[in-house]
Amino acid sequence: MTTLQQERKLAKTYIGYIEKLSPEVKLDIIKKLSEKLEKPTEKSDVKPDSYFFGAWKTDQTIEEMIEDLEDSNFYKRKIIDF
């Protein structure tokens, strides 16, 4: 199911709930939805794709980075002789 199909299914569910409300409440919902659509959405917490991709900036060498990763590993394989 695509996102659009899921949204339409959700909207259909909401319409079922809204049908049972009084006309005054329905108008209030329409007003609030209209206000939401008129205001530009602020997505300050959403980061652009470029934030997640690109060069890793560090002064460490590759060897130092690998060593740090290996040292921070909680699971260390230990071979037991029988």
PDB file of N, CA and C in Angstrom:
ATOM      1  N   MET A   1       0.843  -1.173   0.000  1.00  0.00           N
ATOM      2  CA  MET A   1       0.000   0.000   0.000  1.00  0.00           C
ATOM      3  C   MET A   1       0.892   1.242   0.000  1.00  0.00           C
ATOM      4  N   THR A   2       0.649   2.154  -0.923  1.00  0.00           N
ATOM      5  CA  THR A   2       1.465   3.362  -1.018  1.00  0.00           C
ATOM      6  C   THR A   2       1.065   4.360   0.062  1.00  0.00           C
ATOM      7  N   THR A   3       1.889   5.359   0.217  1.00  0.00           N
ATOM      8  CA  THR A   3       1.616   6.383   1.217  1.00  0.00           C
ATOM      9  C   THR A   3       0.313   7.107   0.906  1.00  0.00           C
ATOM     10  N   LEU A   4       0.090   7.404  -0.372  1.00  0.00           N
ATOM     11  CA  LEU A   4      -1.138   8.101  -0.759  1.00  0.00           C
ATOM     12  C   LEU A   4      -2.367   7.255  -0.436  1.00  0.00           C
ATOM     13  N   GLN A   5      -2.287   5.959  -0.680  1.00  0.00           N
ATOM     14  CA  GLN A   5      -3.405   5.071  -0.363  1.00  0.00           C
ATOM     15  C   GLN A   5      -3.649   5.023   1.145  1.00  0.00           C
ATOM     16  N   GLN A   6      -2.572   4.997   1.918  1.00  0.00           N
ATOM     17  CA  GLN A   6      -2.705   4.984   3.371  1.00  0.00           C
ATOM     18  C   GLN A   6      -3.340   6.278   3.871  1.00  0.00           C
ATOM     19  N   GLU A   7      -2.923   7.404   3.278  1.00  0.00           N
ATOM     20  CA  GLU A   7      -3.485   8.689   3.686  1.00  0.00           C
ATOM     21  C   GLU A   7      -4.971   8.770   3.341  1.00  0.00           C
ATOM     22  N   ARG A   8      -5.342   8.253   2.176  1.00  0.00           N
ATOM     23  CA  ARG A   8      -6.753   8.271   1.792  1.00  0.00           C
ATOM     24  C   ARG A   8      -7.590   7.385   2.712  1.00  0.00           C
ATOM     25  N   LYS A   9      -7.040   6.247   3.103  1.00  0.00           N
ATOM     26  CA  LYS A   9      -7.746   5.358   4.019  1.00  0.00           C
ATOM     27  C   LYS A   9      -7.934   6.041   5.376  1.00  0.00           C
ATOM     28  N   LEU A  10      -6.882   6.726   5.834  1.00  0.00           N
ATOM     29  CA  LEU A  10      -6.955   7.458   7.097  1.00  0.00           C
ATOM     30  C   LEU A  10      -7.976   8.588   7.007  1.00  0.00           C
ATOM     31  N   ALA A  11      -7.978   9.316   5.886  1.00  0.00           N
ATOM     32  CA  ALA A  11      -8.940  10.404   5.697  1.00  0.00           C
ATOM     33  C   ALA A  11     -10.363   9.870   5.712  1.00  0.00           C
ATOM     34  N   LYS A  12     -10.577   8.716   5.100  1.00  0.00           N
ATOM     35  CA  LYS A  12     -11.914   8.107   5.086  1.00  0.00           C
ATOM     36  C   LYS A  12     -12.363   7.776   6.518  1.00  0.00           C
ATOM     37  N   THR A  13     -11.438   7.308   7.316  1.00  0.00           N
ATOM     38  CA  THR A  13     -11.742   7.010   8.716  1.00  0.00           C
ATOM     39  C   THR A  13     -12.136   8.282   9.457  1.00  0.00           C
ATOM     40  N   TYR A  14     -11.351   9.361   9.248  1.00  0.00           N
ATOM     41  CA  TYR A  14     -11.664  10.629   9.911  1.00  0.00           C
ATOM     42  C   TYR A  14     -13.014  11.171   9.465  1.00  0.00           C
ATOM     43  N   ILE A  15     -13.320  11.036   8.181  1.00  0.00           N
ATOM     44  CA  ILE A  15     -14.612  11.507   7.676  1.00  0.00           C
ATOM     45  C   ILE A  15     -15.745  10.784   8.408  1.00  0.00           C
ATOM     46  N   GLY A  16     -15.566   9.502   8.666  1.00  0.00           N
ATOM     47  CA  GLY A  16     -16.571   8.748   9.413  1.00  0.00           C
ATOM     48  C   GLY A  16     -16.811   9.333  10.794  1.00  0.00           C
ATOM     49  N   TYR A  17     -15.726   9.769  11.440  1.00  0.00           N
ATOM     50  CA  TYR A  17     -15.872  10.393  12.762  1.00  0.00           C
ATOM     51  C   TYR A  17     -16.511  11.773  12.648  1.00  0.00           C
ATOM     52  N   ILE A  18     -16.105  12.536  11.640  1.00  0.00           N
ATOM     53  CA  ILE A  18     -16.580  13.907  11.485  1.00  0.00           C
ATOM     54  C   ILE A  18     -18.070  13.953  11.155  1.00  0.00           C
ATOM     55  N   GLU A  19     -18.564  12.972  10.412  1.00  0.00           N
ATOM     56  CA  GLU A  19     -19.978  12.955  10.026  1.00  0.00           C
ATOM     57  C   GLU A  19     -20.908  12.986  11.236  1.00  0.00           C
ATOM     58  N   LYS A  20     -20.438  12.488  12.354  1.00  0.00           N
ATOM     59  CA  LYS A  20     -21.273  12.399  13.558  1.00  0.00           C
ATOM     60  C   LYS A  20     -21.263  13.687  14.383  1.00  0.00           C
ATOM     61  N   LEU A  21     -20.425  14.655  14.006  1.00  0.00           N
ATOM     62  CA  LEU A  21     -20.298  15.892  14.775  1.00  0.00           C
ATOM     63  C   LEU A  21     -21.343  16.913  14.359  1.00  0.00           C
ATOM     64  N   SER A  22     -21.519  17.903  15.203  1.00  0.00           N
ATOM     65  CA  SER A  22     -22.475  18.979  14.909  1.00  0.00           C
ATOM     66  C   SER A  22     -21.923  19.890  13.811  1.00  0.00           C
ATOM     67  N   PRO A  23     -22.803  20.627  13.141  1.00  0.00           N
ATOM     68  CA  PRO A  23     -22.347  21.541  12.086  1.00  0.00           C
ATOM     69  C   PRO A  23     -21.350  22.593  12.589  1.00  0.00           C
ATOM     70  N   GLU A  24     -21.519  23.071  13.808  1.00  0.00           N
ATOM     71  CA  GLU A  24     -20.609  24.073  14.370  1.00  0.00           C
ATOM     72  C   GLU A  24     -19.197  23.507  14.510  1.00  0.00           C
ATOM     73  N   VAL A  25     -19.105  22.292  14.991  1.00  0.00           N
ATOM     74  CA  VAL A  25     -17.798  21.659  15.166  1.00  0.00           C
ATOM     75  C   VAL A  25     -17.170  21.378  13.801  1.00  0.00           C
ATOM     76  N   LYS A  26     -17.981  20.967  12.847  1.00  0.00           N
ATOM     77  CA  LYS A  26     -17.467  20.731  11.491  1.00  0.00           C
ATOM     78  C   LYS A  26     -16.888  22.010  10.900  1.00  0.00           C
ATOM     79  N   LEU A  27     -17.591  23.128  11.083  1.00  0.00           N
ATOM     80  CA  LEU A  27     -17.083  24.409  10.589  1.00  0.00           C
ATOM     81  C   LEU A  27     -15.785  24.805  11.285  1.00  0.00           C
ATOM     82  N   ASP A  28     -15.706  24.509  12.567  1.00  0.00           N
ATOM     83  CA  ASP A  28     -14.488  24.797  13.318  1.00  0.00           C
ATOM     84  C   ASP A  28     -13.313  23.974  12.775  1.00  0.00           C
ATOM     85  N   ILE A  29     -13.567  22.726  12.456  1.00  0.00           N
ATOM     86  CA  ILE A  29     -12.527  21.865  11.885  1.00  0.00           C
ATOM     87  C   ILE A  29     -12.080  22.405  10.526  1.00  0.00           C
ATOM     88  N   ILE A  30     -13.045  22.815   9.699  1.00  0.00           N
ATOM     89  CA  ILE A  30     -12.722  23.378   8.386  1.00  0.00           C
ATOM     90  C   ILE A  30     -11.864  24.627   8.547  1.00  0.00           C
ATOM     91  N   LYS A  31     -12.222  25.473   9.504  1.00  0.00           N
ATOM     92  CA  LYS A  31     -11.468  26.710   9.755  1.00  0.00           C
ATOM     93  C   LYS A  31     -10.029  26.386  10.146  1.00  0.00           C
ATOM     94  N   LYS A  32      -9.865  25.452  11.061  1.00  0.00           N
ATOM     95  CA  LYS A  32      -8.518  25.102  11.529  1.00  0.00           C
ATOM     96  C   LYS A  32      -7.684  24.464  10.417  1.00  0.00           C
ATOM     97  N   LEU A  33      -8.309  23.616   9.607  1.00  0.00           N
ATOM     98  CA  LEU A  33      -7.586  23.013   8.488  1.00  0.00           C
ATOM     99  C   LEU A  33      -7.172  24.068   7.468  1.00  0.00           C
ATOM    100  N   SER A  34      -8.077  25.029   7.203  1.00  0.00           N
ATOM    101  CA  SER A  34      -7.762  26.104   6.259  1.00  0.00           C
ATOM    102  C   SER A  34      -6.595  26.944   6.764  1.00  0.00           C
ATOM    103  N   GLU A  35      -6.594  27.255   8.056  1.00  0.00           N
ATOM    104  CA  GLU A  35      -5.498  28.028   8.636  1.00  0.00           C
ATOM    105  C   GLU A  35      -4.184  27.271   8.522  1.00  0.00           C
ATOM    106  N   LYS A  36      -4.221  25.974   8.730  1.00  0.00           N
ATOM    107  CA  LYS A  36      -3.022  25.141   8.630  1.00  0.00           C
ATOM    108  C   LYS A  36      -2.452  25.170   7.215  1.00  0.00           C
ATOM    109  N   LEU A  37      -3.348  25.132   6.223  1.00  0.00           N
ATOM    110  CA  LEU A  37      -2.903  25.122   4.834  1.00  0.00           C
ATOM    111  C   LEU A  37      -2.377  26.477   4.393  1.00  0.00           C
ATOM    112  N   GLU A  38      -2.872  27.563   4.970  1.00  0.00           N
ATOM    113  CA  GLU A  38      -2.428  28.898   4.602  1.00  0.00           C
ATOM    114  C   GLU A  38      -1.060  29.226   5.168  1.00  0.00           C
ATOM    115  N   LYS A  39      -0.739  28.697   6.333  1.00  0.00           N
ATOM    116  CA  LYS A  39       0.555  28.970   6.959  1.00  0.00           C
ATOM    117  C   LYS A  39       1.627  28.105   6.311  1.00  0.00           C
ATOM    118  N   PRO A  40       2.787  28.706   6.040  1.00  0.00           N
ATOM    119  CA  PRO A  40       3.879  27.870   5.521  1.00  0.00           C
ATOM    120  C   PRO A  40       4.354  26.917   6.615  1.00  0.00           C
ATOM    121  N   THR A  41       4.603  25.701   6.233  1.00  0.00           N
ATOM    122  CA  THR A  41       5.047  24.716   7.213  1.00  0.00           C
ATOM    123  C   THR A  41       6.509  24.940   7.556  1.00  0.00           C
ATOM    124  N   GLU A  42       6.792  24.872   8.818  1.00  0.00           N
ATOM    125  CA  GLU A  42       8.164  25.015   9.287  1.00  0.00           C
ATOM    126  C   GLU A  42       8.697  23.636   9.619  1.00  0.00           C
ATOM    127  N   LYS A  43       9.756  23.275   8.956  1.00  0.00           N
ATOM    128  CA  LYS A  43      10.358  21.967   9.190  1.00  0.00           C
ATOM    129  C   LYS A  43      11.784  22.168   9.702  1.00  0.00           C
ATOM    130  N   SER A  44      11.898  22.811  10.830  1.00  0.00           N
ATOM    131  CA  SER A  44      13.212  23.109  11.368  1.00  0.00           C
ATOM    132  C   SER A  44      13.945  21.850  11.829  1.00  0.00           C
ATOM    133  N   ASP A  45      13.198  20.838  12.220  1.00  0.00           N
ATOM    134  CA  ASP A  45      13.844  19.627  12.704  1.00  0.00           C
ATOM    135  C   ASP A  45      14.169  18.652  11.578  1.00  0.00           C
ATOM    136  N   VAL A  46      13.717  18.945  10.358  1.00  0.00           N
ATOM    137  CA  VAL A  46      13.985  18.068   9.222  1.00  0.00           C
ATOM    138  C   VAL A  46      15.281  18.522   8.560  1.00  0.00           C
ATOM    139  N   LYS A  47      16.204  17.621   8.430  1.00  0.00           N
ATOM    140  CA  LYS A  47      17.498  17.942   7.847  1.00  0.00           C
ATOM    141  C   LYS A  47      17.493  17.610   6.357  1.00  0.00           C
ATOM    142  N   PRO A  48      18.182  18.411   5.539  1.00  0.00           N
ATOM    143  CA  PRO A  48      18.232  18.111   4.109  1.00  0.00           C
ATOM    144  C   PRO A  48      19.031  16.836   3.850  1.00  0.00           C
ATOM    145  N   ASP A  49      18.808  16.249   2.684  1.00  0.00           N
ATOM    146  CA  ASP A  49      19.518  15.015   2.338  1.00  0.00           C
ATOM    147  C   ASP A  49      21.024  15.199   2.396  1.00  0.00           C
ATOM    148  N   SER A  50      21.487  16.380   2.026  1.00  0.00           N
ATOM    149  CA  SER A  50      22.930  16.629   2.005  1.00  0.00           C
ATOM    150  C   SER A  50      23.551  16.513   3.396  1.00  0.00           C
ATOM    151  N   TYR A  51      22.738  16.642   4.434  1.00  0.00           N
ATOM    152  CA  TYR A  51      23.239  16.508   5.802  1.00  0.00           C
ATOM    153  C   TYR A  51      23.744  15.094   6.065  1.00  0.00           C
ATOM    154  N   PHE A  52      23.106  14.108   5.443  1.00  0.00           N
ATOM    155  CA  PHE A  52      23.420  12.722   5.726  1.00  0.00           C
ATOM    156  C   PHE A  52      24.490  12.144   4.803  1.00  0.00           C
ATOM    157  N   PHE A  53      24.820  12.845   3.752  1.00  0.00           N
ATOM    158  CA  PHE A  53      25.785  12.329   2.791  1.00  0.00           C
ATOM    159  C   PHE A  53      26.952  13.296   2.673  1.00  0.00           C
ATOM    160  N   GLY A  54      28.090  12.782   2.263  1.00  0.00           N
ATOM    161  CA  GLY A  54      29.228  13.654   2.038  1.00  0.00           C
ATOM    162  C   GLY A  54      30.468  13.127   2.724  1.00  0.00           C
ATOM    163  N   ALA A  55      31.471  13.950   2.741  1.00  0.00           N
ATOM    164  CA  ALA A  55      32.764  13.556   3.298  1.00  0.00           C
ATOM    165  C   ALA A  55      32.730  13.579   4.816  1.00  0.00           C
ATOM    166  N   TRP A  56      33.460  12.668   5.390  1.00  0.00           N
ATOM    167  CA  TRP A  56      33.622  12.615   6.834  1.00  0.00           C
ATOM    168  C   TRP A  56      34.743  13.569   7.185  1.00  0.00           C
ATOM    169  N   LYS A  57      34.483  14.541   8.032  1.00  0.00           N
ATOM    170  CA  LYS A  57      35.490  15.532   8.377  1.00  0.00           C
ATOM    171  C   LYS A  57      36.105  15.185   9.727  1.00  0.00           C
ATOM    172  N   THR A  58      37.367  14.841   9.703  1.00  0.00           N
ATOM    173  CA  THR A  58      38.081  14.504  10.925  1.00  0.00           C
ATOM    174  C   THR A  58      39.572  14.657  10.686  1.00  0.00           C
ATOM    175  N   ASP A  59      40.306  14.806  11.774  1.00  0.00           N
ATOM    176  CA  ASP A  59      41.762  14.895  11.681  1.00  0.00           C
ATOM    177  C   ASP A  59      42.405  13.525  11.844  1.00  0.00           C
ATOM    178  N   GLN A  60      41.608  12.516  12.145  1.00  0.00           N
ATOM    179  CA  GLN A  60      42.142  11.173  12.347  1.00  0.00           C
ATOM    180  C   GLN A  60      42.481  10.521  11.004  1.00  0.00           C
ATOM    181  N   THR A  61      43.468   9.644  11.068  1.00  0.00           N
ATOM    182  CA  THR A  61      43.772   8.834   9.895  1.00  0.00           C
ATOM    183  C   THR A  61      42.806   7.658   9.863  1.00  0.00           C
ATOM    184  N   ILE A  62      42.761   6.975   8.736  1.00  0.00           N
ATOM    185  CA  ILE A  62      41.892   5.807   8.605  1.00  0.00           C
ATOM    186  C   ILE A  62      42.251   4.770   9.662  1.00  0.00           C
ATOM    187  N   GLU A  63      43.538   4.568   9.867  1.00  0.00           N
ATOM    188  CA  GLU A  63      43.990   3.573  10.838  1.00  0.00           C
ATOM    189  C   GLU A  63      43.517   3.927  12.247  1.00  0.00           C
ATOM    190  N   GLU A  64      43.580   5.210  12.590  1.00  0.00           N
ATOM    191  CA  GLU A  64      43.128   5.642  13.909  1.00  0.00           C
ATOM    192  C   GLU A  64      41.621   5.456  14.064  1.00  0.00           C
ATOM    193  N   MET A  65      40.885   5.728  13.009  1.00  0.00           N
ATOM    194  CA  MET A  65      39.435   5.545  13.064  1.00  0.00           C
ATOM    195  C   MET A  65      39.084   4.073  13.251  1.00  0.00           C
ATOM    196  N   ILE A  66      39.763   3.206  12.516  1.00  0.00           N
ATOM    197  CA  ILE A  66      39.525   1.764  12.644  1.00  0.00           C
ATOM    198  C   ILE A  66      39.858   1.299  14.046  1.00  0.00           C
ATOM    199  N   GLU A  67      40.966   1.781  14.578  1.00  0.00           N
ATOM    200  CA  GLU A  67      41.366   1.408  15.933  1.00  0.00           C
ATOM    201  C   GLU A  67      40.332   1.860  16.961  1.00  0.00           C
ATOM    202  N   ASP A  68      39.808   3.089  16.805  1.00  0.00           N
ATOM    203  CA  ASP A  68      38.769   3.585  17.709  1.00  0.00           C
ATOM    204  C   ASP A  68      37.519   2.714  17.640  1.00  0.00           C
ATOM    205  N   LEU A  69      37.126   2.339  16.425  1.00  0.00           N
ATOM    206  CA  LEU A  69      35.945   1.492  16.266  1.00  0.00           C
ATOM    207  C   LEU A  69      36.146   0.125  16.902  1.00  0.00           C
ATOM    208  N   GLU A  70      37.307  -0.447  16.686  1.00  0.00           N
ATOM    209  CA  GLU A  70      37.582  -1.765  17.265  1.00  0.00           C
ATOM    210  C   GLU A  70      37.639  -1.690  18.789  1.00  0.00           C
ATOM    211  N   ASP A  71      38.215  -0.620  19.323  1.00  0.00           N
ATOM    212  CA  ASP A  71      38.303  -0.467  20.777  1.00  0.00           C
ATOM    213  C   ASP A  71      36.939  -0.230  21.412  1.00  0.00           C
ATOM    214  N   SER A  72      36.031   0.399  20.681  1.00  0.00           N
ATOM    215  CA  SER A  72      34.722   0.690  21.237  1.00  0.00           C
ATOM    216  C   SER A  72      33.758  -0.486  21.098  1.00  0.00           C
ATOM    217  N   ASN A  73      34.172  -1.520  20.428  1.00  0.00           N
ATOM    218  CA  ASN A  73      33.338  -2.704  20.252  1.00  0.00           C
ATOM    219  C   ASN A  73      33.137  -3.389  21.597  1.00  0.00           C
ATOM    220  N   PHE A  74      31.888  -3.619  21.970  1.00  0.00           N
ATOM    221  CA  PHE A  74      31.618  -4.303  23.226  1.00  0.00           C
ATOM    222  C   PHE A  74      31.783  -5.813  23.066  1.00  0.00           C
ATOM    223  N   TYR A  75      31.504  -6.285  21.887  1.00  0.00           N
ATOM    224  CA  TYR A  75      31.614  -7.712  21.641  1.00  0.00           C
ATOM    225  C   TYR A  75      32.973  -7.989  21.049  1.00  0.00           C
ATOM    226  N   LYS A  76      33.773  -8.714  21.762  1.00  0.00           N
ATOM    227  CA  LYS A  76      35.092  -9.098  21.257  1.00  0.00           C
ATOM    228  C   LYS A  76      35.118 -10.619  21.204  1.00  0.00           C
ATOM    229  N   ARG A  77      35.427 -11.096  20.063  1.00  0.00           N
ATOM    230  CA  ARG A  77      35.457 -12.541  19.868  1.00  0.00           C
ATOM    231  C   ARG A  77      36.695 -13.129  20.513  1.00  0.00           C
ATOM    232  N   LYS A  78      36.451 -14.052  21.393  1.00  0.00           N
ATOM    233  CA  LYS A  78      37.566 -14.725  22.067  1.00  0.00           C
ATOM    234  C   LYS A  78      37.537 -16.187  21.669  1.00  0.00           C
ATOM    235  N   ILE A  79      38.623 -16.654  21.174  1.00  0.00           N
ATOM    236  CA  ILE A  79      38.710 -18.049  20.760  1.00  0.00           C
ATOM    237  C   ILE A  79      39.276 -18.851  21.938  1.00  0.00           C
ATOM    238  N   ILE A  80      38.544 -19.885  22.304  1.00  0.00           N
ATOM    239  CA  ILE A  80      38.925 -20.725  23.432  1.00  0.00           C
ATOM    240  C   ILE A  80      39.553 -22.007  22.890  1.00  0.00           C
ATOM    241  N   ASP A  81      40.751 -22.307  23.378  1.00  0.00           N
ATOM    242  CA  ASP A  81      41.394 -23.555  22.971  1.00  0.00           C
ATOM    243  C   ASP A  81      40.810 -24.726  23.766  1.00  0.00           C
ATOM    244  N   PHE A  82      40.602 -25.821  23.097  1.00  0.00           N
ATOM    245  CA  PHE A  82      40.092 -27.013  23.778  1.00  0.00           C
ATOM    246  C   PHE A  82      41.203 -27.968  24.085  1.00  0.00           C
TER     247      PHE A  82
END
